[in-house]
């Protein structure tokens, strides 16, 4: 496979250098999980593709892991086609006609159809599970739905030989069912297959766990739905421009009804402390820069001692530019917007992701001068479609 893989890498390199913008450091895409909301991420990637911005690394959880695997697991010229195949395949038709004159009925009909029938290319109901929730069937069968269709879909859309050539790095977030600890799997460290992506999308109790290396894993989103920490804690550290795509807003208005309370609670839960993660990482990176600066005030002969070398190794001069894209909320969104697999819902979220990212690339915030003592800068791009 050596010559074939090298040829693919060469193709990737030429695709990136031909007319690509001057983005410093590695380009990282970070995708939250959010079910049908993940169509926004597909629009984000299409805008990056059209703008000749090729990610070096894609990190995702749940639907973000699915999008990430399709991107990292295909040659650049095939990625948009594969993303469209996936999202067109999960789109449900027949609800859009109701939305014009009775949005509530359209949402109710859509949600009922998804819950009772599933999405044929993604997940299908397990009637026996609904009949006996106390029946002990094992971790890999204890779920309301089967995700066997997703396994077949991913196997047809992701070239795992190409993925494991490491032309683009992929990391997916999971949580160990027994220990409750977050674990990230990446093709940089070991080959990946469809089961790794399935594990990252195994959201309980809807979807069953997936066994990897003898352990059961669930969707990492139940522990941390914003896998930004994976790049900020990565070693060896590299300066990066990080496109962080937020599907669940951490900020929002005070709810005024029980239904709004339930919706806002989900936003807060699944935004997964993105703000606090960034605050903590800013402190850590500032300390690393302080250590680097202090090293310049230590005599050179002392700097060479093993003891000081070990301590000074904690310092670095890398910068992390986080470009946050916040997916919009729409007027007809309800509590179950993450299962809005209607064709209209998918189309409008994809279009919003494309428009927002096009504006972000035109703004080019990575060109701004950074404070030399700060390791992390954050630029937030609000959607023009918010609340429409």
Protein backbone atom coordinates (compact mmCIF):
# COMPACT_ATOMS: atom_id res chain seq x y z
CA UNK A 1 0.00 0.00 0.00
CA UNK A 2 3.08 2.25 0.32
CA UNK A 3 3.13 3.85 -3.17
CA UNK A 4 -0.65 4.25 -3.19
CA UNK A 5 -0.61 5.94 0.22
CA UNK A 6 2.26 8.23 -0.71
CA UNK A 7 0.37 9.27 -3.84
CA UNK A 8 -2.66 10.17 -1.76
CA UNK A 9 -0.51 12.21 0.62
CA UNK A 10 1.05 14.06 -2.29
CA UNK A 11 -2.42 14.83 -3.64
CA UNK A 12 -3.46 16.18 -0.25
CA UNK A 13 -0.35 18.38 -0.01
CA UNK A 14 -0.88 19.93 -3.43
CA UNK A 15 -4.57 20.50 -2.66
CA UNK A 16 -3.63 22.45 0.43
CA UNK A 17 -0.88 24.62 -1.05
CA UNK A 18 -2.68 25.67 -4.22
CA UNK A 19 -4.21 29.04 -3.38
CA UNK A 20 -4.73 28.25 0.31
CA UNK A 21 -4.95 31.19 2.77
CA UNK A 22 -1.95 31.99 4.95
CA UNK A 23 -3.11 30.27 8.13
CA UNK A 24 -0.20 29.82 10.60
CA UNK A 25 0.33 26.47 12.30
CA UNK A 26 -1.84 23.40 11.99
CA UNK A 27 -5.53 23.76 11.13
CA UNK A 28 -7.82 21.88 13.51
CA UNK A 29 -11.57 21.25 13.25
CA UNK A 30 -13.37 20.55 16.55
CA UNK A 31 -16.92 19.18 16.28
CA UNK A 32 -19.42 18.81 19.12
CA UNK A 33 -22.05 16.09 19.12
CA UNK A 34 -25.62 17.07 18.40
CA UNK A 35 -27.44 14.55 16.22
CA UNK A 36 -29.20 16.27 13.34
CA UNK A 37 -27.63 19.58 14.35
CA UNK A 38 -24.41 18.18 12.88
CA UNK A 39 -25.60 19.24 9.42
CA UNK A 40 -24.28 22.68 10.40
CA UNK A 41 -20.78 21.16 10.65
CA UNK A 42 -21.07 19.79 7.12
CA UNK A 43 -21.77 23.33 5.91
CA UNK A 44 -18.77 24.59 7.86
CA UNK A 45 -16.52 22.07 6.16
CA UNK A 46 -17.90 22.82 2.69
CA UNK A 47 -17.07 26.52 3.14
CA UNK A 48 -13.55 25.58 4.27
CA UNK A 49 -13.19 23.26 1.29
CA UNK A 50 -14.35 25.96 -1.13
CA UNK A 51 -12.00 28.40 0.59
CA UNK A 52 -9.08 25.94 0.14
CA UNK A 53 -8.63 25.50 3.88
CA UNK A 54 -7.64 21.90 4.50
CA UNK A 55 -7.74 20.66 8.10
CA UNK A 56 -4.70 18.83 9.38
CA UNK A 57 -6.69 17.36 12.25
CA UNK A 58 -10.39 16.72 12.87
CA UNK A 59 -11.65 16.03 16.41
CA UNK A 60 -15.24 14.99 16.95
CA UNK A 61 -17.75 13.46 19.31
CA UNK A 62 -20.98 11.71 18.32
CA UNK A 63 -22.34 13.24 15.09
CA UNK A 64 -19.14 15.29 15.07
CA UNK A 65 -17.16 12.04 14.98
CA UNK A 66 -19.27 10.84 12.03
CA UNK A 67 -18.63 14.05 10.09
CA UNK A 68 -14.98 13.92 11.10
CA UNK A 69 -14.55 10.34 9.90
CA UNK A 70 -16.11 11.17 6.54
CA UNK A 71 -13.78 14.15 6.15
CA UNK A 72 -10.56 12.49 7.33
CA UNK A 73 -11.46 9.20 5.68
CA UNK A 74 -11.69 10.47 2.10
CA UNK A 75 -9.56 12.34 -0.40
CA UNK A 76 -10.40 16.07 -0.37
CA UNK A 77 -12.12 15.91 -3.76
CA UNK A 78 -14.54 13.24 -2.47
CA UNK A 79 -15.41 14.69 0.93
CA UNK A 80 -18.32 16.98 0.02
CA UNK A 81 -19.92 14.24 -2.05
CA UNK A 82 -19.64 11.77 0.84
CA UNK A 83 -21.01 14.27 3.36
CA UNK A 84 -23.97 14.95 1.09
CA UNK A 85 -24.56 11.21 0.71
CA UNK A 86 -24.70 10.82 4.47
CA UNK A 87 -26.95 13.79 5.20
CA UNK A 88 -29.23 13.17 2.24
CA UNK A 89 -29.48 9.59 3.41
CA UNK A 90 -30.65 10.51 6.92
CA UNK A 91 -33.01 13.28 5.74
CA UNK A 92 -36.70 12.53 6.24
CA UNK A 93 -39.26 13.95 3.84
CA UNK A 94 -42.95 14.65 4.23
CA UNK A 95 -42.95 16.99 7.24
CA UNK A 96 -42.04 20.23 5.51
CA UNK A 97 -45.51 20.88 4.04
CA UNK A 98 -47.00 21.10 7.54
CA UNK A 99 -44.48 23.63 8.85
CA UNK A 100 -45.91 26.54 6.86
CA UNK A 101 -49.33 26.58 8.54
CA UNK A 102 -48.89 24.55 11.75
CA UNK A 103 -45.23 24.34 12.89
CA UNK A 104 -46.11 22.61 16.16
CA UNK A 105 -47.87 19.79 14.34
CA UNK A 106 -44.95 19.42 11.93
CA UNK A 107 -42.48 19.10 14.81
CA UNK A 108 -44.72 16.65 16.69
CA UNK A 109 -45.23 14.49 13.60
CA UNK A 110 -41.52 14.54 12.83
CA UNK A 111 -40.48 13.62 16.38
CA UNK A 112 -43.05 10.83 16.59
CA UNK A 113 -41.88 9.35 13.29
CA UNK A 114 -38.21 9.44 14.33
CA UNK A 115 -38.91 7.91 17.75
CA UNK A 116 -41.13 5.11 16.44
CA UNK A 117 -39.48 4.40 13.08
CA UNK A 118 -35.89 5.62 13.46
CA UNK A 119 -33.79 6.68 10.47
CA UNK A 120 -33.26 3.73 8.08
CA UNK A 121 -29.63 4.54 7.24
CA UNK A 122 -28.76 5.43 10.86
CA UNK A 123 -30.76 3.60 13.53
CA UNK A 124 -33.85 1.39 13.77
CA UNK A 125 -36.08 0.51 16.75
CA UNK A 126 -35.64 -2.61 18.83
CA UNK A 127 -39.23 -3.47 19.82
CA UNK A 128 -38.05 -6.06 22.36
CA UNK A 129 -36.17 -3.36 24.28
CA UNK A 130 -39.29 -1.29 24.73
CA UNK A 131 -41.11 -4.32 26.07
CA UNK A 132 -38.57 -5.24 28.75
CA UNK A 133 -36.27 -2.49 30.03
CA UNK A 134 -35.24 -4.62 33.02
CA UNK A 135 -34.25 -7.62 30.94
CA UNK A 136 -30.50 -8.24 31.14
CA UNK A 137 -29.31 -8.47 27.55
CA UNK A 138 -25.69 -7.28 27.90
CA UNK A 139 -24.15 -3.86 27.42
CA UNK A 140 -23.95 -4.14 23.64
CA UNK A 141 -27.67 -4.90 23.33
CA UNK A 142 -29.10 -2.74 26.11
CA UNK A 143 -30.53 0.06 23.99
CA UNK A 144 -33.79 1.15 22.42
CA UNK A 145 -32.35 1.21 18.90
CA UNK A 146 -29.99 -0.78 16.73
CA UNK A 147 -27.19 1.14 15.02
CA UNK A 148 -26.33 -1.64 12.57
CA UNK A 149 -27.53 0.62 9.70
CA UNK A 150 -25.00 3.26 10.74
CA UNK A 151 -22.22 0.68 10.62
CA UNK A 152 -23.15 -0.17 7.03
CA UNK A 153 -23.47 3.50 6.09
CA UNK A 154 -20.08 4.44 7.51
CA UNK A 155 -18.41 1.42 5.93
CA UNK A 156 -19.63 2.60 2.54
CA UNK A 157 -18.71 6.27 3.01
CA UNK A 158 -15.36 6.12 4.85
CA UNK A 159 -12.17 4.72 3.30
CA UNK A 160 -10.48 3.36 6.41
CA UNK A 161 -7.31 2.45 4.48
CA UNK A 162 -7.01 6.09 3.52
CA UNK A 163 -7.89 7.19 7.06
CA UNK A 164 -5.10 5.06 8.47
CA UNK A 165 -2.59 6.50 6.01
CA UNK A 166 -2.72 9.50 8.42
CA UNK A 167 -2.98 12.08 5.64
CA UNK A 168 -5.44 13.84 7.97
CA UNK A 169 -5.46 13.13 11.66
CA UNK A 170 -8.77 12.01 13.21
CA UNK A 171 -9.61 11.88 16.91
CA UNK A 172 -12.93 10.69 18.31
CA UNK A 173 -14.17 11.08 21.88
CA UNK A 174 -15.61 8.17 23.88
CA UNK A 175 -16.27 7.37 27.53
CA UNK A 176 -15.46 4.03 29.16
CA UNK A 177 -18.70 2.50 30.46
CA UNK A 178 -17.09 0.87 33.51
CA UNK A 179 -14.61 3.53 34.61
CA UNK A 180 -16.56 6.61 33.46
CA UNK A 181 -13.33 8.07 32.09
CA UNK A 182 -13.03 9.98 28.83
CA UNK A 183 -10.85 8.36 26.19
CA UNK A 184 -9.81 9.75 22.84
CA UNK A 185 -8.89 7.40 20.00
CA UNK A 186 -6.71 8.81 17.21
CA UNK A 187 -5.33 7.38 13.98
CA UNK A 188 -1.98 8.99 14.81
CA UNK A 189 -1.39 6.41 17.53
CA UNK A 190 -3.10 3.27 16.20
CA UNK A 191 -5.23 2.15 13.25
CA UNK A 192 -8.92 2.97 13.50
CA UNK A 193 -11.95 1.23 12.05
CA UNK A 194 -15.69 1.73 11.92
CA UNK A 195 -16.11 0.54 15.53
CA UNK A 196 -14.21 3.55 16.88
CA UNK A 197 -16.59 5.94 15.15
CA UNK A 198 -19.57 3.85 16.25
CA UNK A 199 -18.38 4.02 19.86
CA UNK A 200 -18.19 7.81 19.74
CA UNK A 201 -21.79 7.91 18.47
CA UNK A 202 -23.15 5.35 20.98
CA UNK A 203 -25.39 7.71 22.95
CA UNK A 204 -27.24 5.77 25.70
CA UNK A 205 -29.86 4.56 26.30
CA UNK A 206 -30.89 5.09 22.69
CA UNK A 207 -27.81 3.47 21.16
CA UNK A 208 -25.86 0.46 22.45
CA UNK A 209 -22.28 0.57 23.66
CA UNK A 210 -19.44 -0.59 21.41
CA UNK A 211 -16.65 -2.88 22.59
CA UNK A 212 -13.08 -1.80 21.86
CA UNK A 213 -10.01 -3.58 23.22
CA UNK A 214 -12.22 -5.62 25.53
CA UNK A 215 -13.97 -2.60 27.08
CA UNK A 216 -17.39 -1.09 26.41
CA UNK A 217 -17.57 2.53 25.28
CA UNK A 218 -20.33 5.11 24.93
CA UNK A 219 -20.62 8.46 23.21
CA UNK A 220 -18.04 10.82 24.72
CA UNK A 221 -20.66 13.55 24.75
CA UNK A 222 -22.15 12.25 27.97
CA UNK A 223 -18.86 13.22 29.67
CA UNK A 224 -17.55 16.10 27.59
CA UNK A 225 -19.38 17.11 24.43
CA UNK A 226 -16.82 19.74 23.43
CA UNK A 227 -13.59 17.85 22.69
CA UNK A 228 -11.49 21.03 22.58
CA UNK A 229 -9.31 19.71 25.39
CA UNK A 230 -7.94 17.02 23.08
CA UNK A 231 -6.00 19.57 21.04
CA UNK A 232 -5.16 21.95 23.88
CA UNK A 233 -3.62 19.10 25.91
CA UNK A 234 -1.94 17.40 22.95
CA UNK A 235 1.75 16.53 22.97
CA UNK A 236 3.99 17.50 21.35
CA UNK A 237 2.42 20.95 21.39
CA UNK A 238 2.00 22.73 18.06
CA UNK A 239 0.74 26.20 17.29
CA UNK A 240 -2.78 25.80 15.93
CA UNK A 241 -5.73 27.63 14.43
CA UNK A 242 -8.77 25.80 15.80
CA UNK A 243 -12.19 26.03 14.18
CA UNK A 244 -14.40 25.11 17.14
CA UNK A 245 -17.99 24.45 16.00
CA UNK A 246 -20.53 24.84 18.80
CA UNK A 247 -23.93 23.22 18.21
CA UNK A 248 -25.30 23.92 21.68
CA UNK A 249 -25.20 27.54 22.94
CA UNK A 250 -23.58 28.03 26.33
CA UNK A 251 -25.27 31.45 26.62
CA UNK A 252 -28.99 32.03 26.25
CA UNK A 253 -32.05 33.89 27.57
CA UNK A 254 -33.81 32.98 30.80
CA UNK A 255 -36.57 30.44 30.08
CA UNK A 256 -40.17 31.38 30.84
CA UNK A 257 -41.93 28.03 30.53
CA UNK A 258 -41.26 24.46 31.60
CA UNK A 259 -40.59 23.50 27.99
CA UNK A 260 -38.10 26.36 27.64
CA UNK A 261 -36.48 25.28 30.92
CA UNK A 262 -36.01 21.75 29.54
CA UNK A 263 -34.55 23.12 26.30
CA UNK A 264 -32.17 25.50 28.09
CA UNK A 265 -31.06 22.72 30.41
CA UNK A 266 -30.01 20.65 27.40
CA UNK A 267 -28.08 23.60 25.94
CA UNK A 268 -26.09 23.99 29.16
CA UNK A 269 -25.53 20.25 29.56
CA UNK A 270 -24.28 19.63 26.03
CA UNK A 271 -22.23 22.79 25.66
CA UNK A 272 -20.12 20.89 28.23
CA UNK A 273 -18.31 23.68 30.01
CA UNK A 274 -16.65 24.94 26.85
CA UNK A 275 -16.10 28.33 28.49
CA UNK A 276 -14.54 26.90 31.64
CA UNK A 277 -12.32 24.58 29.56
CA UNK A 278 -11.00 27.61 27.69
CA UNK A 279 -10.47 29.62 30.89
CA UNK A 280 -8.47 26.78 32.43
CA UNK A 281 -6.42 26.30 29.30
CA UNK A 282 -5.68 30.02 29.09
CA UNK A 283 -4.20 29.89 32.59
CA UNK A 284 -2.12 26.82 31.75
CA UNK A 285 -0.79 28.26 28.49
CA UNK A 286 0.03 31.59 30.14
CA UNK A 287 2.08 29.73 32.74
CA UNK A 288 3.89 27.88 29.96
CA UNK A 289 4.75 31.19 28.34
CA UNK A 290 5.88 32.59 31.72
CA UNK A 291 8.21 29.60 32.17
CA UNK A 292 9.61 30.20 28.70
CA UNK A 293 10.28 33.86 29.52
CA UNK A 294 11.84 33.02 32.89
CA UNK A 295 14.27 30.67 31.19
CA UNK A 296 15.81 33.67 29.44
CA UNK A 297 16.81 35.11 32.83
CA UNK A 298 18.67 32.01 34.00
CA UNK A 299 22.41 31.80 33.24
CA UNK A 300 23.08 29.48 30.33
CA UNK A 301 25.34 27.14 32.29
CA UNK A 302 22.56 26.56 34.85
CA UNK A 303 19.95 26.08 32.13
CA UNK A 304 21.86 23.06 30.87
CA UNK A 305 21.56 21.07 34.10
CA UNK A 306 19.21 18.07 33.89
CA UNK A 307 17.09 19.36 36.76
CA UNK A 308 16.41 22.72 35.13
CA UNK A 309 15.98 21.19 31.70
CA UNK A 310 13.17 19.05 33.11
CA UNK A 311 11.47 22.07 34.67
CA UNK A 312 11.93 24.32 31.66
CA UNK A 313 10.42 21.60 29.48
CA UNK A 314 7.03 22.73 30.81
CA UNK A 315 7.43 26.03 29.01
CA UNK A 316 6.55 26.65 25.38
CA UNK A 317 5.89 29.43 22.91
CA UNK A 318 3.03 27.84 20.98
CA UNK A 319 -0.16 29.78 20.32
CA UNK A 320 -3.71 28.45 20.05
CA UNK A 321 -6.12 30.63 18.10
CA UNK A 322 -9.65 29.39 18.78
CA UNK A 323 -12.17 30.52 16.16
CA UNK A 324 -15.59 29.69 17.56
CA UNK A 325 -18.56 29.22 15.26
CA UNK A 326 -21.90 29.16 17.08
CA UNK A 327 -24.71 27.34 15.28
CA UNK A 328 -27.94 29.36 15.16
CA UNK A 329 -31.25 28.66 16.83
CA UNK A 330 -34.34 28.88 14.64
CA UNK A 331 -37.83 29.98 15.64
CA UNK A 332 -39.38 26.58 15.07
CA UNK A 333 -36.70 24.69 17.03
CA UNK A 334 -38.07 22.67 19.92
CA UNK A 335 -36.75 20.53 22.73
CA UNK A 336 -35.99 17.70 20.29
CA UNK A 337 -34.20 19.75 17.64
CA UNK A 338 -31.31 17.27 17.69
CA UNK A 339 -33.61 14.70 16.05
CA UNK A 340 -34.86 17.16 13.44
CA UNK A 341 -33.85 14.99 10.52
CA UNK A 342 -36.40 16.70 8.27
CA UNK A 343 -34.97 17.60 4.88
CA UNK A 344 -35.76 21.28 5.48
CA UNK A 345 -34.02 21.25 8.88
CA UNK A 346 -30.88 19.65 7.48
CA UNK A 347 -30.76 22.03 4.51
CA UNK A 348 -31.10 25.19 6.60
CA UNK A 349 -28.45 24.12 9.11
CA UNK A 350 -26.03 23.14 6.34
CA UNK A 351 -26.63 26.51 4.63
CA UNK A 352 -26.11 28.40 7.92
CA UNK A 353 -22.80 26.62 8.53
CA UNK A 354 -21.63 27.48 5.04
CA UNK A 355 -22.60 31.16 5.33
CA UNK A 356 -21.11 31.64 8.80
CA UNK A 357 -17.80 30.03 7.86
CA UNK A 358 -17.56 31.99 4.61
CA UNK A 359 -17.85 35.19 6.68
CA UNK A 360 -15.27 33.90 9.16
CA UNK A 361 -12.75 33.09 6.44
CA UNK A 362 -13.25 36.54 4.91
CA UNK A 363 -12.64 38.09 8.33
CA UNK A 364 -9.37 36.06 8.69
CA UNK A 365 -8.93 36.63 12.46
CA UNK A 366 -5.75 34.52 12.51
CA UNK A 367 -3.93 37.55 11.07
CA UNK A 368 -4.43 39.59 14.23
CA UNK A 369 -1.39 40.26 16.42
CA UNK A 370 -1.37 38.14 19.57
CA UNK A 371 -0.18 39.10 23.03
CA UNK A 372 3.20 37.31 23.34
CA UNK A 373 2.39 36.33 26.94
CA UNK A 374 -0.97 34.78 26.10
CA UNK A 375 -1.03 31.27 24.74
CA UNK A 376 -4.66 31.24 23.67
CA UNK A 377 -6.84 33.77 21.87
CA UNK A 378 -10.56 33.36 21.18
CA UNK A 379 -12.58 34.86 18.33
CA UNK A 380 -16.34 34.22 18.28
CA UNK A 381 -18.43 34.42 15.13
CA UNK A 382 -22.18 34.67 15.82
CA UNK A 383 -24.50 33.29 13.16
CA UNK A 384 -26.42 35.73 10.99
CA UNK A 385 -29.30 33.22 11.08
CA UNK A 386 -29.67 33.27 14.87
CA UNK A 387 -33.28 33.38 16.05
CA UNK A 388 -34.67 33.37 12.50
